[in-house]
Amino acid sequence: MRFRAETRDLLSRTRAAAEPLKSPSPPNGAGPFTVGFVCTANICRSAYAEAAFTALTAADPRMRATSAGLQAATGTPMDPMMTEQLLDRHPGAPTEHHSRAVDDAFIAECDLVLVMTARHRTLLLRRHPMALPETFLLTEFVSLLPALTGERATPRDLVRQAHRLRAQAADTADVPDPHRRAPDVYAEVAMTLDRLVAGLIRGLH
């Protein structure tokens, strides 16, 4: 309920100015659809999700992924334990990673912003309120995909539909942070991210 109230408030304050934020994007939906994954430091969850998405959509030039962190230093590589999980599950996936912070340029780059926790969403929208229409929890957006319709709907169309239907999301669980935890936690988080990223790709296609 609290987030719904925050959402209504953000909508009322940003609706008129929301379109200019996206002006750097290619016009008329041109160019690849860009998914931006967000976590805290951009070295575990969001970095893994970006790499997994990139590996699974390597043959599709219409899709691309990026990632950033709300408290990220610049240029930090992926957590070694997360890299190990990535290579075990996605041999050949890109492992070169340099963390970056969420900023206006990142938001403008993304057609869809997927955060790992409700707190991430709150913090991101506090700093970038105009990003509300395209910002979701990863679990939330994936759970909404089966309800989205339209044989000819583009991924950008689906994001707009999801924004209208977000109150119907069946899953709004957080993806926990494995950083500096036991190896089995890294494995569990990687498994969760693989399931969610695969569901995301299926739904967007």
C-alpha atoms as a PDB file:
ATOM      1  CA  MET A   1       0.000   0.000   0.000  1.00  0.00           C
ATOM      2  CA  ARG A   2       2.827   2.372   0.855  1.00  0.00           C
ATOM      3  CA  PHE A   3       4.486   1.866  -2.514  1.00  0.00           C
ATOM      4  CA  ARG A   4       1.170   2.374  -4.325  1.00  0.00           C
ATOM      5  CA  ALA A   5       0.748   5.705  -2.548  1.00  0.00           C
ATOM      6  CA  GLU A   6       4.330   6.660  -3.437  1.00  0.00           C
ATOM      7  CA  THR A   7       3.637   5.623  -7.021  1.00  0.00           C
ATOM      8  CA  ARG A   8       0.561   7.820  -7.283  1.00  0.00           C
ATOM      9  CA  ASP A   9       2.503  10.763  -5.871  1.00  0.00           C
ATOM     10  CA  LEU A  10       5.403  10.250  -8.254  1.00  0.00           C
ATOM     11  CA  LEU A  11       3.048   9.922 -11.193  1.00  0.00           C
ATOM     12  CA  SER A  12       1.309  13.179 -10.388  1.00  0.00           C
ATOM     13  CA  ARG A  13       4.639  15.006 -10.136  1.00  0.00           C
ATOM     14  CA  THR A  14       6.343  13.515 -13.170  1.00  0.00           C
ATOM     15  CA  ARG A  15       3.747  12.658 -15.811  1.00  0.00           C
ATOM     16  CA  ALA A  16       4.111  15.935 -17.658  1.00  0.00           C
ATOM     17  CA  ALA A  17       7.902  15.729 -17.723  1.00  0.00           C
ATOM     18  CA  ALA A  18       8.362  11.993 -18.206  1.00  0.00           C
ATOM     19  CA  GLU A  19       8.813  12.016 -21.993  1.00  0.00           C
ATOM     20  CA  PRO A  20      11.797  14.414 -22.139  1.00  0.00           C
ATOM     21  CA  LEU A  21      13.821  12.043 -19.948  1.00  0.00           C
ATOM     22  CA  LYS A  22      13.758   9.438 -22.694  1.00  0.00           C
ATOM     23  CA  SER A  23      14.645  11.811 -25.505  1.00  0.00           C
ATOM     24  CA  PRO A  24      18.222  10.478 -25.859  1.00  0.00           C
ATOM     25  CA  SER A  25      16.734   7.085 -26.872  1.00  0.00           C
ATOM     26  CA  PRO A  26      16.375   6.333 -30.572  1.00  0.00           C
ATOM     27  CA  PRO A  27      13.130   7.751 -32.026  1.00  0.00           C
ATOM     28  CA  ASN A  28      10.064   5.623 -32.713  1.00  0.00           C
ATOM     29  CA  GLY A  29      11.427   2.607 -30.869  1.00  0.00           C
ATOM     30  CA  ALA A  30      14.476   2.326 -33.129  1.00  0.00           C
ATOM     31  CA  GLY A  31      17.585   0.567 -31.899  1.00  0.00           C
ATOM     32  CA  PRO A  32      17.875  -2.378 -29.520  1.00  0.00           C
ATOM     33  CA  PHE A  33      15.588  -2.712 -26.532  1.00  0.00           C
ATOM     34  CA  THR A  34      17.816  -2.060 -23.513  1.00  0.00           C
ATOM     35  CA  VAL A  35      17.258  -3.706 -20.139  1.00  0.00           C
ATOM     36  CA  GLY A  36      19.094  -2.155 -17.204  1.00  0.00           C
ATOM     37  CA  PHE A  37      19.630  -4.322 -14.123  1.00  0.00           C
ATOM     38  CA  VAL A  38      20.242  -2.539 -10.817  1.00  0.00           C
ATOM     39  CA  CYS A  39      21.490  -3.687  -7.414  1.00  0.00           C
ATOM     40  CA  THR A  40      23.634  -2.101  -4.700  1.00  0.00           C
ATOM     41  CA  ALA A  41      27.273  -2.239  -5.820  1.00  0.00           C
ATOM     42  CA  ASN A  42      26.866  -3.626  -9.366  1.00  0.00           C
ATOM     43  CA  ILE A  43      29.259  -6.493  -8.714  1.00  0.00           C
ATOM     44  CA  CYS A  44      26.967  -9.437  -7.898  1.00  0.00           C
ATOM     45  CA  ARG A  45      23.271  -9.567  -8.779  1.00  0.00           C
ATOM     46  CA  SER A  46      22.958  -6.928 -11.488  1.00  0.00           C
ATOM     47  CA  ALA A  47      26.319  -7.833 -13.026  1.00  0.00           C
ATOM     48  CA  TYR A  48      25.324 -11.502 -13.200  1.00  0.00           C
ATOM     49  CA  ALA A  49      21.885 -10.693 -14.624  1.00  0.00           C
ATOM     50  CA  GLU A  50      23.420  -8.487 -17.317  1.00  0.00           C
ATOM     51  CA  ALA A  51      25.910 -11.174 -18.335  1.00  0.00           C
ATOM     52  CA  ALA A  52      23.307 -13.961 -18.320  1.00  0.00           C
ATOM     53  CA  PHE A  53      20.874 -11.868 -20.379  1.00  0.00           C
ATOM     54  CA  THR A  54      23.654 -11.003 -22.830  1.00  0.00           C
ATOM     55  CA  ALA A  55      24.665 -14.656 -23.191  1.00  0.00           C
ATOM     56  CA  LEU A  56      21.097 -15.832 -23.752  1.00  0.00           C
ATOM     57  CA  THR A  57      20.283 -13.126 -26.316  1.00  0.00           C
ATOM     58  CA  ALA A  58      23.620 -13.107 -28.131  1.00  0.00           C
ATOM     59  CA  ALA A  59      21.945 -14.030 -31.425  1.00  0.00           C
ATOM     60  CA  ASP A  60      19.274 -11.334 -31.142  1.00  0.00           C
ATOM     61  CA  PRO A  61      20.479  -7.836 -32.071  1.00  0.00           C
ATOM     62  CA  ARG A  62      17.128  -6.398 -30.959  1.00  0.00           C
ATOM     63  CA  MET A  63      18.026  -6.958 -27.297  1.00  0.00           C
ATOM     64  CA  ARG A  64      20.824  -5.687 -25.097  1.00  0.00           C
ATOM     65  CA  ALA A  65      21.519  -5.397 -21.382  1.00  0.00           C
ATOM     66  CA  THR A  66      23.439  -3.097 -19.105  1.00  0.00           C
ATOM     67  CA  SER A  67      23.688  -2.728 -15.330  1.00  0.00           C
ATOM     68  CA  ALA A  68      24.536  -0.291 -12.561  1.00  0.00           C
ATOM     69  CA  GLY A  69      24.501   0.066  -8.791  1.00  0.00           C
ATOM     70  CA  LEU A  70      22.922   2.542  -6.442  1.00  0.00           C
ATOM     71  CA  GLN A  71      26.058   2.622  -4.278  1.00  0.00           C
ATOM     72  CA  ALA A  72      28.576   1.500  -6.866  1.00  0.00           C
ATOM     73  CA  ALA A  73      32.171   2.563  -7.158  1.00  0.00           C
ATOM     74  CA  THR A  74      33.380   2.941 -10.725  1.00  0.00           C
ATOM     75  CA  GLY A  75      35.328   0.159 -12.389  1.00  0.00           C
ATOM     76  CA  THR A  76      35.044  -2.720  -9.902  1.00  0.00           C
ATOM     77  CA  PRO A  77      35.006  -6.199 -11.501  1.00  0.00           C
ATOM     78  CA  MET A  78      32.350  -8.790 -10.848  1.00  0.00           C
ATOM     79  CA  ASP A  79      32.586 -10.608  -7.513  1.00  0.00           C
ATOM     80  CA  PRO A  80      34.813 -13.692  -8.144  1.00  0.00           C
ATOM     81  CA  MET A  81      32.262 -16.050  -6.597  1.00  0.00           C
ATOM     82  CA  MET A  82      29.584 -14.649  -8.896  1.00  0.00           C
ATOM     83  CA  THR A  83      31.915 -14.988 -11.874  1.00  0.00           C
ATOM     84  CA  GLU A  84      32.430 -18.641 -10.967  1.00  0.00           C
ATOM     85  CA  GLN A  85      28.668 -19.189 -10.921  1.00  0.00           C
ATOM     86  CA  LEU A  86      28.324 -17.415 -14.255  1.00  0.00           C
ATOM     87  CA  LEU A  87      30.936 -19.552 -15.994  1.00  0.00           C
ATOM     88  CA  ASP A  88      29.495 -22.759 -14.535  1.00  0.00           C
ATOM     89  CA  ARG A  89      26.010 -21.912 -15.793  1.00  0.00           C
ATOM     90  CA  HIS A  90      26.784 -19.939 -18.947  1.00  0.00           C
ATOM     91  CA  PRO A  91      30.101 -21.076 -20.452  1.00  0.00           C
ATOM     92  CA  GLY A  92      31.330 -18.406 -22.799  1.00  0.00           C
ATOM     93  CA  ALA A  93      29.306 -15.637 -21.158  1.00  0.00           C
ATOM     94  CA  PRO A  94      31.050 -12.253 -20.960  1.00  0.00           C
ATOM     95  CA  THR A  95      32.938 -11.957 -17.681  1.00  0.00           C
ATOM     96  CA  GLU A  96      34.675  -8.623 -18.184  1.00  0.00           C
ATOM     97  CA  HIS A  97      32.757  -6.184 -16.025  1.00  0.00           C
ATOM     98  CA  HIS A  98      33.317  -2.671 -14.721  1.00  0.00           C
ATOM     99  CA  SER A  99      30.816  -1.426 -12.180  1.00  0.00           C
ATOM    100  CA  ARG A 100      29.071   1.902 -12.663  1.00  0.00           C
ATOM    101  CA  ALA A 101      26.687   4.041 -10.652  1.00  0.00           C
ATOM    102  CA  VAL A 102      23.069   4.692 -11.530  1.00  0.00           C
ATOM    103  CA  ASP A 103      22.900   8.193 -12.981  1.00  0.00           C
ATOM    104  CA  ASP A 104      20.832  10.177 -15.460  1.00  0.00           C
ATOM    105  CA  ALA A 105      22.751   8.736 -18.405  1.00  0.00           C
ATOM    106  CA  PHE A 106      22.039   5.178 -17.276  1.00  0.00           C
ATOM    107  CA  ILE A 107      18.330   5.894 -16.836  1.00  0.00           C
ATOM    108  CA  ALA A 108      18.113   7.522 -20.272  1.00  0.00           C
ATOM    109  CA  GLU A 109      19.888   4.537 -21.820  1.00  0.00           C
ATOM    110  CA  CYS A 110      17.344   2.008 -20.544  1.00  0.00           C
ATOM    111  CA  ASP A 111      13.925   1.081 -21.895  1.00  0.00           C
ATOM    112  CA  LEU A 112      13.321  -1.092 -18.828  1.00  0.00           C
ATOM    113  CA  VAL A 113      14.968  -0.795 -15.403  1.00  0.00           C
ATOM    114  CA  LEU A 114      14.839  -3.905 -13.207  1.00  0.00           C
ATOM    115  CA  VAL A 115      15.922  -3.645  -9.578  1.00  0.00           C
ATOM    116  CA  MET A 116      16.593  -6.458  -7.144  1.00  0.00           C
ATOM    117  CA  THR A 117      14.784  -5.230  -4.018  1.00  0.00           C
ATOM    118  CA  ALA A 118      11.966  -2.950  -2.968  1.00  0.00           C
ATOM    119  CA  ARG A 119      14.512  -0.716  -1.249  1.00  0.00           C
ATOM    120  CA  HIS A 120      16.434  -0.351  -4.508  1.00  0.00           C
ATOM    121  CA  ARG A 121      13.235   0.762  -6.206  1.00  0.00           C
ATOM    122  CA  THR A 122      12.486   3.314  -3.508  1.00  0.00           C
ATOM    123  CA  LEU A 123      16.006   4.761  -3.610  1.00  0.00           C
ATOM    124  CA  LEU A 124      16.167   4.855  -7.391  1.00  0.00           C
ATOM    125  CA  LEU A 125      12.810   6.593  -7.751  1.00  0.00           C
ATOM    126  CA  ARG A 126      13.689   9.070  -5.032  1.00  0.00           C
ATOM    127  CA  ARG A 127      16.701  10.124  -7.104  1.00  0.00           C
ATOM    128  CA  HIS A 128      15.140   9.629 -10.545  1.00  0.00           C
ATOM    129  CA  PRO A 129      11.363   9.998 -10.163  1.00  0.00           C
ATOM    130  CA  MET A 130      10.797  10.297 -13.904  1.00  0.00           C
ATOM    131  CA  ALA A 131      11.975   6.680 -14.282  1.00  0.00           C
ATOM    132  CA  LEU A 132       8.824   5.363 -12.599  1.00  0.00           C
ATOM    133  CA  PRO A 133       7.019   4.103 -15.743  1.00  0.00           C
ATOM    134  CA  GLU A 134       9.889   1.793 -16.710  1.00  0.00           C
ATOM    135  CA  THR A 135      11.162   0.768 -13.251  1.00  0.00           C
ATOM    136  CA  PHE A 136      10.122  -2.533 -11.655  1.00  0.00           C
ATOM    137  CA  LEU A 137      11.410  -5.188  -9.327  1.00  0.00           C
ATOM    138  CA  LEU A 138      12.795  -8.001 -11.465  1.00  0.00           C
ATOM    139  CA  THR A 139      10.390 -10.459  -9.837  1.00  0.00           C
ATOM    140  CA  GLU A 140       7.499  -8.045 -10.302  1.00  0.00           C
ATOM    141  CA  PHE A 141       8.008  -7.512 -14.020  1.00  0.00           C
ATOM    142  CA  VAL A 142       8.501 -11.207 -14.776  1.00  0.00           C
ATOM    143  CA  SER A 143       5.318 -12.065 -12.866  1.00  0.00           C
ATOM    144  CA  LEU A 144       3.384  -9.494 -14.922  1.00  0.00           C
ATOM    145  CA  LEU A 145       4.524 -10.785 -18.316  1.00  0.00           C
ATOM    146  CA  PRO A 146       1.886 -13.551 -18.670  1.00  0.00           C
ATOM    147  CA  ALA A 147      -0.869 -10.932 -18.277  1.00  0.00           C
ATOM    148  CA  LEU A 148       0.498  -8.697 -21.023  1.00  0.00           C
ATOM    149  CA  THR A 149      -1.200  -9.041 -24.386  1.00  0.00           C
ATOM    150  CA  GLY A 150      -0.819  -8.262 -28.049  1.00  0.00           C
ATOM    151  CA  GLU A 151       0.589 -10.509 -30.761  1.00  0.00           C
ATOM    152  CA  ARG A 152       2.370  -7.560 -32.319  1.00  0.00           C
ATOM    153  CA  ALA A 153       3.300  -5.861 -29.058  1.00  0.00           C
ATOM    154  CA  THR A 154       6.906  -4.728 -28.960  1.00  0.00           C
ATOM    155  CA  PRO A 155       8.967  -4.962 -25.766  1.00  0.00           C
ATOM    156  CA  ARG A 156       8.430  -1.229 -25.289  1.00  0.00           C
ATOM    157  CA  ASP A 157       4.662  -1.799 -25.592  1.00  0.00           C
ATOM    158  CA  LEU A 158       4.920  -4.483 -22.905  1.00  0.00           C
ATOM    159  CA  VAL A 159       6.675  -2.090 -20.528  1.00  0.00           C
ATOM    160  CA  ARG A 160       3.861   0.422 -20.938  1.00  0.00           C
ATOM    161  CA  GLN A 161       1.270  -2.295 -20.296  1.00  0.00           C
ATOM    162  CA  ALA A 162       3.153  -3.525 -17.236  1.00  0.00           C
ATOM    163  CA  HIS A 163       3.219  -0.028 -15.777  1.00  0.00           C
ATOM    164  CA  ARG A 164      -0.571   0.147 -16.021  1.00  0.00           C
ATOM    165  CA  LEU A 165      -0.986  -3.318 -14.494  1.00  0.00           C
ATOM    166  CA  ARG A 166       1.740  -3.250 -11.845  1.00  0.00           C
ATOM    167  CA  ALA A 167      -0.781  -3.494  -8.990  1.00  0.00           C
ATOM    168  CA  GLN A 168      -1.623  -6.996 -10.269  1.00  0.00           C
ATOM    169  CA  ALA A 169       1.909  -8.355  -9.843  1.00  0.00           C
ATOM    170  CA  ALA A 170       1.817 -11.776  -8.217  1.00  0.00           C
ATOM    171  CA  ASP A 171       5.442 -11.698  -7.077  1.00  0.00           C
ATOM    172  CA  THR A 172       7.308  -8.775  -5.547  1.00  0.00           C
ATOM    173  CA  ALA A 173       9.972 -10.723  -3.681  1.00  0.00           C
ATOM    174  CA  ASP A 174      13.488  -9.371  -3.271  1.00  0.00           C
ATOM    175  CA  VAL A 175      16.501 -11.111  -4.789  1.00  0.00           C
ATOM    176  CA  PRO A 176      18.907 -11.346  -1.816  1.00  0.00           C
ATOM    177  CA  ASP A 177      22.482 -10.094  -1.894  1.00  0.00           C
ATOM    178  CA  PRO A 178      25.008 -12.981  -1.807  1.00  0.00           C
ATOM    179  CA  HIS A 179      28.071 -10.742  -1.346  1.00  0.00           C
ATOM    180  CA  ARG A 180      30.536 -12.186   1.185  1.00  0.00           C
ATOM    181  CA  ARG A 181      28.179 -15.007   2.088  1.00  0.00           C
ATOM    182  CA  ALA A 182      28.542 -18.778   1.783  1.00  0.00           C
ATOM    183  CA  PRO A 183      29.052 -20.418  -1.632  1.00  0.00           C
ATOM    184  CA  ASP A 184      25.641 -22.057  -1.487  1.00  0.00           C
ATOM    185  CA  VAL A 185      24.040 -18.599  -1.215  1.00  0.00           C
ATOM    186  CA  TYR A 186      25.807 -17.516  -4.405  1.00  0.00           C
ATOM    187  CA  ALA A 187      24.556 -20.674  -6.104  1.00  0.00           C
ATOM    188  CA  GLU A 188      20.998 -20.101  -4.940  1.00  0.00           C
ATOM    189  CA  VAL A 189      20.997 -16.475  -6.086  1.00  0.00           C
ATOM    190  CA  ALA A 190      22.470 -17.449  -9.466  1.00  0.00           C
ATOM    191  CA  MET A 191      19.759 -20.090  -9.876  1.00  0.00           C
ATOM    192  CA  THR A 192      17.080 -17.529  -9.014  1.00  0.00           C
ATOM    193  CA  LEU A 193      18.501 -14.992 -11.445  1.00  0.00           C
ATOM    194  CA  ASP A 194      18.732 -17.593 -14.210  1.00  0.00           C
ATOM    195  CA  ARG A 195      15.063 -18.457 -13.747  1.00  0.00           C
ATOM    196  CA  LEU A 196      14.012 -14.815 -13.758  1.00  0.00           C
ATOM    197  CA  VAL A 197      16.198 -13.797 -16.694  1.00  0.00           C
ATOM    198  CA  ALA A 198      14.969 -16.753 -18.760  1.00  0.00           C
ATOM    199  CA  GLY A 199      11.366 -15.816 -17.956  1.00  0.00           C
ATOM    200  CA  LEU A 200      12.088 -12.211 -18.854  1.00  0.00           C
ATOM    201  CA  ILE A 201      13.507 -13.148 -22.253  1.00  0.00           C
ATOM    202  CA  ARG A 202      10.617 -15.498 -23.044  1.00  0.00           C
ATOM    203  CA  GLY A 203       8.107 -12.816 -22.138  1.00  0.00           C
ATOM    204  CA  LEU A 204       9.802 -10.083 -24.142  1.00  0.00           C
ATOM    205  CA  HIS A 205       9.830 -12.276 -27.240  1.00  0.00           C
END
